[in-house]
PDB file of N, CA and C in Angstrom:
ATOM      1  N   MET A   1     220.792 130.020  91.263  1.00  0.00           N
ATOM      2  CA  MET A   1     219.279 130.416  90.343  1.00  0.00           C
ATOM      3  C   MET A   1     219.006 131.771  89.766  1.00  0.00           C
ATOM      4  N   PRO A   2     219.445 132.391  88.414  1.00  0.00           N
ATOM      5  CA  PRO A   2     219.429 133.307  87.689  1.00  0.00           C
ATOM      6  C   PRO A   2     218.457 134.306  88.442  1.00  0.00           C
ATOM      7  N   TYR A   3     217.386 134.036  87.960  1.00  0.00           N
ATOM      8  CA  TYR A   3     216.074 134.752  88.537  1.00  0.00           C
ATOM      9  C   TYR A   3     216.168 135.675  89.638  1.00  0.00           C
ATOM     10  N   THR A   4     216.795 134.818  90.981  1.00  0.00           N
ATOM     11  CA  THR A   4     217.018 135.071  92.040  1.00  0.00           C
ATOM     12  C   THR A   4     217.606 135.892  92.568  1.00  0.00           C
ATOM     13  N   LYS A   5     218.860 135.253  91.582  1.00  0.00           N
ATOM     14  CA  LYS A   5     219.978 136.687  92.189  1.00  0.00           C
ATOM     15  C   LYS A   5     219.347 138.030  90.525  1.00  0.00           C
ATOM     16  N   LEU A   6     218.704 138.445  89.627  1.00  0.00           N
ATOM     17  CA  LEU A   6     218.628 139.126  89.305  1.00  0.00           C
ATOM     18  C   LEU A   6     216.913 139.962  90.011  1.00  0.00           C
ATOM     19  N   GLY A   7     216.194 139.049  90.885  1.00  0.00           N
ATOM     20  CA  GLY A   7     215.336 139.669  91.411  1.00  0.00           C
ATOM     21  C   GLY A   7     216.167 140.637  92.655  1.00  0.00           C
ATOM     22  N   THR A   8     216.986 140.085  93.036  1.00  0.00           N
ATOM     23  CA  THR A   8     217.774 141.001  94.611  1.00  0.00           C
ATOM     24  C   THR A   8     218.452 142.201  93.993  1.00  0.00           C
ATOM     25  N   LEU A   9     219.057 142.229  92.368  1.00  0.00           N
ATOM     26  CA  LEU A   9     219.766 142.709  92.024  1.00  0.00           C
ATOM     27  C   LEU A   9     218.687 144.745  91.914  1.00  0.00           C
ATOM     28  N   ILE A  10     217.177 143.804  91.178  1.00  0.00           N
ATOM     29  CA  ILE A  10     215.835 144.653  91.299  1.00  0.00           C
ATOM     30  C   ILE A  10     215.601 145.678  92.347  1.00  0.00           C
ATOM     31  N   ALA A  11     215.372 144.606  93.288  1.00  0.00           N
ATOM     32  CA  ALA A  11     214.874 144.669  95.086  1.00  0.00           C
ATOM     33  C   ALA A  11     216.125 146.582  94.886  1.00  0.00           C
ATOM     34  N   GLY A  12     217.219 145.522  94.657  1.00  0.00           N
ATOM     35  CA  GLY A  12     218.169 146.988  95.215  1.00  0.00           C
ATOM     36  C   GLY A  12     218.427 148.434  94.522  1.00  0.00           C
ATOM     37  N   ILE A  13     218.553 147.946  93.161  1.00  0.00           N
ATOM     38  CA  ILE A  13     217.948 149.097  92.721  1.00  0.00           C
ATOM     39  C   ILE A  13     216.721 150.112  93.097  1.00  0.00           C
ATOM     40  N   VAL A  14     215.432 149.055  93.049  1.00  0.00           N
ATOM     41  CA  VAL A  14     214.290 149.787  93.504  1.00  0.00           C
ATOM     42  C   VAL A  14     214.721 150.375  94.980  1.00  0.00           C
ATOM     43  N   PHE A  15     214.947 150.177  95.725  1.00  0.00           N
ATOM     44  CA  PHE A  15     215.333 150.694  97.379  1.00  0.00           C
ATOM     45  C   PHE A  15     216.698 151.536  96.956  1.00  0.00           C
ATOM     46  N   ALA A  16     216.891 151.769  96.343  1.00  0.00           N
ATOM     47  CA  ALA A  16     218.307 152.470  96.529  1.00  0.00           C
ATOM     48  C   ALA A  16     217.373 153.802  96.014  1.00  0.00           C
ATOM     49  N   LEU A  17     216.819 154.001  94.629  1.00  0.00           N
ATOM     50  CA  LEU A  17     216.053 154.923  94.116  1.00  0.00           C
ATOM     51  C   LEU A  17     214.846 155.461  94.375  1.00  0.00           C
ATOM     52  N   GLY A  18     214.077 154.470  95.761  1.00  0.00           N
ATOM     53  CA  GLY A  18     213.281 154.998  96.704  1.00  0.00           C
ATOM     54  C   GLY A  18     213.591 155.534  97.505  1.00  0.00           C
ATOM     55  N   CYS A  19     214.734 155.706  98.477  1.00  0.00           N
ATOM     56  CA  CYS A  19     215.132 155.939  99.384  1.00  0.00           C
ATOM     57  C   CYS A  19     216.261 157.415  98.700  1.00  0.00           C
ATOM     58  N   ILE A  20     216.113 157.573  97.383  1.00  0.00           N
ATOM     59  CA  ILE A  20     217.257 158.985  97.135  1.00  0.00           C
ATOM     60  C   ILE A  20     215.677 160.197  96.367  1.00  0.00           C
ATOM     61  N   GLN A  21     215.021 159.111  96.227  1.00  0.00           N
ATOM     62  CA  GLN A  21     213.674 160.095  96.114  1.00  0.00           C
ATOM     63  C   GLN A  21     213.034 160.647  96.879  1.00  0.00           C
ATOM     64  N   ILE A  22     212.587 160.039  98.678  1.00  0.00           N
ATOM     65  CA  ILE A  22     212.061 160.557  99.518  1.00  0.00           C
ATOM     66  C   ILE A  22     213.142 161.731  99.819  1.00  0.00           C
ATOM     67  N   ALA A  23     214.253 161.159 100.090  1.00  0.00           N
ATOM     68  CA  ALA A  23     215.329 162.080  99.832  1.00  0.00           C
ATOM     69  C   ALA A  23     215.491 163.745  99.357  1.00  0.00           C
ATOM     70  N   LEU A  24     214.983 163.201  98.145  1.00  0.00           N
ATOM     71  CA  LEU A  24     215.032 164.611  97.251  1.00  0.00           C
ATOM     72  C   LEU A  24     213.578 165.280  97.771  1.00  0.00           C
ATOM     73  N   GLY A  25     212.446 164.363  97.658  1.00  0.00           N
ATOM     74  CA  GLY A  25     211.679 164.911  98.318  1.00  0.00           C
ATOM     75  C   GLY A  25     211.719 166.035  99.491  1.00  0.00           C
ATOM     76  N   PHE A  26     212.069 164.963 100.390  1.00  0.00           N
ATOM     77  CA  PHE A  26     212.130 166.091 101.760  1.00  0.00           C
ATOM     78  C   PHE A  26     212.884 167.253 101.949  1.00  0.00           C
ATOM     79  N   GLY A  27     213.857 167.233 101.002  1.00  0.00           N
ATOM     80  CA  GLY A  27     215.218 168.042 101.174  1.00  0.00           C
ATOM     81  C   GLY A  27     214.629 169.735 100.161  1.00  0.00           C
ATOM     82  N   VAL A  28     213.695 169.138  99.234  1.00  0.00           N
ATOM     83  CA  VAL A  28     212.611 170.442  98.173  1.00  0.00           C
ATOM     84  C   VAL A  28     212.018 171.242  99.329  1.00  0.00           C
ATOM     85  N   SER A  29     210.987 170.103 100.006  1.00  0.00           N
ATOM     86  CA  SER A  29     210.051 170.490 100.792  1.00  0.00           C
ATOM     87  C   SER A  29     210.491 171.672 101.888  1.00  0.00           C
ATOM     88  N   THR A  30     211.651 171.041 102.267  1.00  0.00           N
ATOM     89  CA  THR A  30     212.107 172.083 103.389  1.00  0.00           C
ATOM     90  C   THR A  30     212.800 173.635 102.942  1.00  0.00           C
ATOM     91  N   GLY A  31     213.390 173.438 101.940  1.00  0.00           N
ATOM     92  CA  GLY A  31     213.693 174.228 100.792  1.00  0.00           C
ATOM     93  C   GLY A  31     215.707 174.189 100.907  1.00  0.00           C
ATOM     94  N   PHE A  32     216.151 172.907 101.517  1.00  0.00           N
ATOM     95  CA  PHE A  32     217.168 172.628 101.752  1.00  0.00           C
ATOM     96  C   PHE A  32     217.819 172.549  99.985  1.00  0.00           C
ATOM     97  N   VAL A  33     217.183 171.297  99.026  1.00  0.00           N
ATOM     98  CA  VAL A  33     217.288 171.976  97.564  1.00  0.00           C
ATOM     99  C   VAL A  33     216.456 173.208  96.783  1.00  0.00           C
ATOM    100  N   THR A  34     217.132 173.493  96.265  1.00  0.00           N
ATOM    101  CA  THR A  34     216.357 174.616  95.684  1.00  0.00           C
ATOM    102  C   THR A  34     216.362 173.728  93.872  1.00  0.00           C
ATOM    103  N   GLU A  35     215.012 174.047  93.421  1.00  0.00           N
ATOM    104  CA  GLU A  35     214.517 173.519  92.159  1.00  0.00           C
ATOM    105  C   GLU A  35     215.116 174.833  90.952  1.00  0.00           C
ATOM    106  N   PRO A  36     215.899 174.598  90.162  1.00  0.00           N
ATOM    107  CA  PRO A  36     216.557 175.635  89.801  1.00  0.00           C
ATOM    108  C   PRO A  36     214.712 176.032  88.748  1.00  0.00           C
ATOM    109  N   ARG A  37     214.592 174.849  87.797  1.00  0.00           N
ATOM    110  CA  ARG A  37     212.538 174.920  87.711  1.00  0.00           C
ATOM    111  C   ARG A  37     211.951 174.161  88.124  1.00  0.00           C
ATOM    112  N   PRO A  38     210.546 174.827  88.112  1.00  0.00           N
ATOM    113  CA  PRO A  38     210.074 173.654  89.199  1.00  0.00           C
ATOM    114  C   PRO A  38     209.620 172.359  88.492  1.00  0.00           C
ATOM    115  N   GLY A  39     209.764 171.701  88.899  1.00  0.00           N
ATOM    116  CA  GLY A  39     209.568 169.877  88.301  1.00  0.00           C
ATOM    117  C   GLY A  39     210.791 169.781  87.864  1.00  0.00           C
ATOM    118  N   LEU A  40     212.040 170.282  88.259  1.00  0.00           N
ATOM    119  CA  LEU A  40     213.499 169.634  87.524  1.00  0.00           C
ATOM    120  C   LEU A  40     213.349 168.177  87.995  1.00  0.00           C
ATOM    121  N   PHE A  41     213.463 168.007  89.605  1.00  0.00           N
ATOM    122  CA  PHE A  41     213.862 167.075  90.203  1.00  0.00           C
ATOM    123  C   PHE A  41     212.815 165.815  90.362  1.00  0.00           C
ATOM    124  N   LEU A  42     211.660 166.616  90.791  1.00  0.00           N
ATOM    125  CA  LEU A  42     210.616 165.610  91.299  1.00  0.00           C
ATOM    126  C   LEU A  42     209.665 165.988  90.066  1.00  0.00           C
ATOM    127  N   GLY A  43     209.825 165.840  89.094  1.00  0.00           N
ATOM    128  CA  GLY A  43     208.545 165.790  87.381  1.00  0.00           C
ATOM    129  C   GLY A  43     207.662 166.795  88.027  1.00  0.00           C
ATOM    130  N   THR A  44     206.297 166.414  87.559  1.00  0.00           N
ATOM    131  CA  THR A  44     205.181 166.839  87.919  1.00  0.00           C
ATOM    132  C   THR A  44     204.654 166.782  88.938  1.00  0.00           C
ATOM    133  N   SER A  45     204.788 165.993  90.326  1.00  0.00           N
ATOM    134  CA  SER A  45     204.890 165.933  91.274  1.00  0.00           C
ATOM    135  C   SER A  45     204.519 166.856  92.425  1.00  0.00           C
ATOM    136  N   THR A  46     203.910 166.981  93.431  1.00  0.00           N
ATOM    137  CA  THR A  46     204.516 168.235  94.577  1.00  0.00           C
ATOM    138  C   THR A  46     205.370 167.670  95.184  1.00  0.00           C
ATOM    139  N   SER A  47     205.869 167.626  96.755  1.00  0.00           N
ATOM    140  CA  SER A  47     207.380 167.179  97.782  1.00  0.00           C
ATOM    141  C   SER A  47     206.305 165.959  97.531  1.00  0.00           C
ATOM    142  N   ALA A  48     205.010 166.193  98.691  1.00  0.00           N
ATOM    143  CA  ALA A  48     204.609 165.501  98.989  1.00  0.00           C
ATOM    144  C   ALA A  48     203.877 163.724  98.709  1.00  0.00           C
ATOM    145  N   GLU A  49     203.409 163.836  97.311  1.00  0.00           N
ATOM    146  CA  GLU A  49     203.737 163.149  96.168  1.00  0.00           C
ATOM    147  C   GLU A  49     204.868 162.451  96.134  1.00  0.00           C
ATOM    148  N   ALA A  50     206.344 162.840  96.499  1.00  0.00           N
ATOM    149  CA  ALA A  50     207.483 162.655  95.759  1.00  0.00           C
ATOM    150  C   ALA A  50     207.502 160.948  97.232  1.00  0.00           C
ATOM    151  N   ILE A  51     207.514 162.115  97.908  1.00  0.00           N
ATOM    152  CA  ILE A  51     207.497 161.382  99.295  1.00  0.00           C
ATOM    153  C   ILE A  51     206.776 160.107  99.098  1.00  0.00           C
ATOM    154  N   ASP A  52     205.431 160.620  98.761  1.00  0.00           N
ATOM    155  CA  ASP A  52     204.709 159.051  99.397  1.00  0.00           C
ATOM    156  C   ASP A  52     205.224 157.931  98.008  1.00  0.00           C
ATOM    157  N   SER A  53     205.284 158.692  96.968  1.00  0.00           N
ATOM    158  CA  SER A  53     205.737 157.665  95.636  1.00  0.00           C
ATOM    159  C   SER A  53     207.274 156.659  96.079  1.00  0.00           C
ATOM    160  N   GLY A  54     207.500 157.230  96.824  1.00  0.00           N
ATOM    161  CA  GLY A  54     209.679 156.727  97.456  1.00  0.00           C
ATOM    162  C   GLY A  54     209.004 155.894  98.357  1.00  0.00           C
ATOM    163  N   ILE A  55     208.398 156.408  99.070  1.00  0.00           N
ATOM    164  CA  ILE A  55     208.051 155.044 100.826  1.00  0.00           C
ATOM    165  C   ILE A  55     207.542 153.782 100.186  1.00  0.00           C
ATOM    166  N   LEU A  56     206.592 154.147  99.171  1.00  0.00           N
ATOM    167  CA  LEU A  56     205.843 152.823  98.204  1.00  0.00           C
ATOM    168  C   LEU A  56     207.142 152.006  97.377  1.00  0.00           C
ATOM    169  N   LYS A  57     207.941 152.688  96.952  1.00  0.00           N
ATOM    170  CA  LYS A  57     208.819 152.397  96.227  1.00  0.00           C
ATOM    171  C   LYS A  57     209.546 151.054  97.564  1.00  0.00           C
ATOM    172  N   VAL A  58     209.869 151.454  98.571  1.00  0.00           N
ATOM    173  CA  VAL A  58     210.867 151.219  99.168  1.00  0.00           C
ATOM    174  C   VAL A  58     209.823 150.439 100.031  1.00  0.00           C
ATOM    175  N   LEU A  59     209.167 149.613 100.039  1.00  0.00           N
ATOM    176  CA  LEU A  59     208.164 149.256 100.936  1.00  0.00           C
ATOM    177  C   LEU A  59     207.533 147.691  99.723  1.00  0.00           C
ATOM    178  N   ALA A  60     207.784 148.434  98.631  1.00  0.00           N
ATOM    179  CA  ALA A  60     207.482 147.338  97.301  1.00  0.00           C
ATOM    180  C   ALA A  60     208.915 146.799  97.023  1.00  0.00           C
ATOM    181  N   ALA A  61     209.855 147.460  97.478  1.00  0.00           N
ATOM    182  CA  ALA A  61     211.890 146.742  97.202  1.00  0.00           C
ATOM    183  C   ALA A  61     211.790 145.908  98.399  1.00  0.00           C
ATOM    184  N   VAL A  62     211.524 145.863  99.800  1.00  0.00           N
ATOM    185  CA  VAL A  62     211.554 145.518 100.950  1.00  0.00           C
ATOM    186  C   VAL A  62     210.255 144.040 100.278  1.00  0.00           C
ATOM    187  N   ALA A  63     209.729 143.939 100.266  1.00  0.00           N
ATOM    188  CA  ALA A  63     208.761 142.989 100.163  1.00  0.00           C
ATOM    189  C   ALA A  63     209.232 142.450  98.580  1.00  0.00           C
ATOM    190  N   PHE A  64     209.969 142.340  98.132  1.00  0.00           N
ATOM    191  CA  PHE A  64     210.143 141.720  96.591  1.00  0.00           C
ATOM    192  C   PHE A  64     211.783 140.956  97.528  1.00  0.00           C
ATOM    193  N   GLY A  65     212.378 141.991  98.279  1.00  0.00           N
ATOM    194  CA  GLY A  65     213.806 141.090  98.200  1.00  0.00           C
ATOM    195  C   GLY A  65     213.146 140.232  99.632  1.00  0.00           C
ATOM    196  N   ILE A  66     212.050 140.187 100.015  1.00  0.00           N
ATOM    197  CA  ILE A  66     212.526 139.102 101.212  1.00  0.00           C
ATOM    198  C   ILE A  66     211.537 138.095 100.318  1.00  0.00           C
ATOM    199  N   ILE A  67     210.651 138.126  99.192  1.00  0.00           N
ATOM    200  CA  ILE A  67     209.978 137.072  98.412  1.00  0.00           C
ATOM    201  C   ILE A  67     211.385 136.295  97.590  1.00  0.00           C
ATOM    202  N   THR A  68     212.773 136.949  97.564  1.00  0.00           N
ATOM    203  CA  THR A  68     213.819 136.438  96.632  1.00  0.00           C
ATOM    204  C   THR A  68     214.563 135.948  97.789  1.00  0.00           C
ATOM    205  N   GLU A  69     214.438 136.085  99.169  1.00  0.00           N
ATOM    206  CA  GLU A  69     215.437 135.350  99.730  1.00  0.00           C
ATOM    207  C   GLU A  69     214.230 134.351 100.175  1.00  0.00           C
ATOM    208  N   ILE A  70     213.111 134.036 100.696  1.00  0.00           N
ATOM    209  CA  ILE A  70     212.360 133.210 100.136  1.00  0.00           C
ATOM    210  C   ILE A  70     212.686 131.868  98.684  1.00  0.00           C
ATOM    211  N   SER A  71     212.651 132.608  97.897  1.00  0.00           N
ATOM    212  CA  SER A  71     213.410 132.112  96.715  1.00  0.00           C
ATOM    213  C   SER A  71     215.059 131.173  96.824  1.00  0.00           C
ATOM    214  N   GLN A  72     215.870 131.641  97.404  1.00  0.00           N
ATOM    215  CA  GLN A  72     217.177 131.381  98.176  1.00  0.00           C
ATOM    216  C   GLN A  72     217.117 130.353  98.536  1.00  0.00           C
ATOM    217  N   SER A  73     216.378 130.324  99.782  1.00  0.00           N
ATOM    218  CA  SER A  73     216.377 129.224 100.619  1.00  0.00           C
ATOM    219  C   SER A  73     215.608 128.357 100.299  1.00  0.00           C
ATOM    220  N   VAL A  74     214.668 128.166  99.165  1.00  0.00           N
ATOM    221  CA  VAL A  74     213.957 127.433  98.920  1.00  0.00           C
ATOM    222  C   VAL A  74     214.692 126.396  98.291  1.00  0.00           C
ATOM    223  N   ALA A  75     215.818 127.117  97.330  1.00  0.00           N
ATOM    224  CA  ALA A  75     216.445 126.601  96.083  1.00  0.00           C
ATOM    225  C   ALA A  75     217.426 125.776  96.723  1.00  0.00           C
ATOM    226  N   LYS A  76     218.473 125.909  97.993  1.00  0.00           N
ATOM    227  CA  LYS A  76     219.331 125.314  98.792  1.00  0.00           C
ATOM    228  C   LYS A  76     218.557 124.226  99.706  1.00  0.00           C
TER     229      LYS A  76
END
């Protein structure tokens, strides 16, 4: 099923981007990563908002991944 494989790919990409956003938010909030300009890495959001958004992306990716796994098992 091509849609199931595409869904798995999308879930993986969103999961990776969410993890990067969480790590970057923690890095900026602790001072480990210094932004040359305010908002360069996090956009217009604060580091707390970036962490929250990253957590939501990770949770959505996990849920989407579970749905694609169910789709794969139904197809077999």
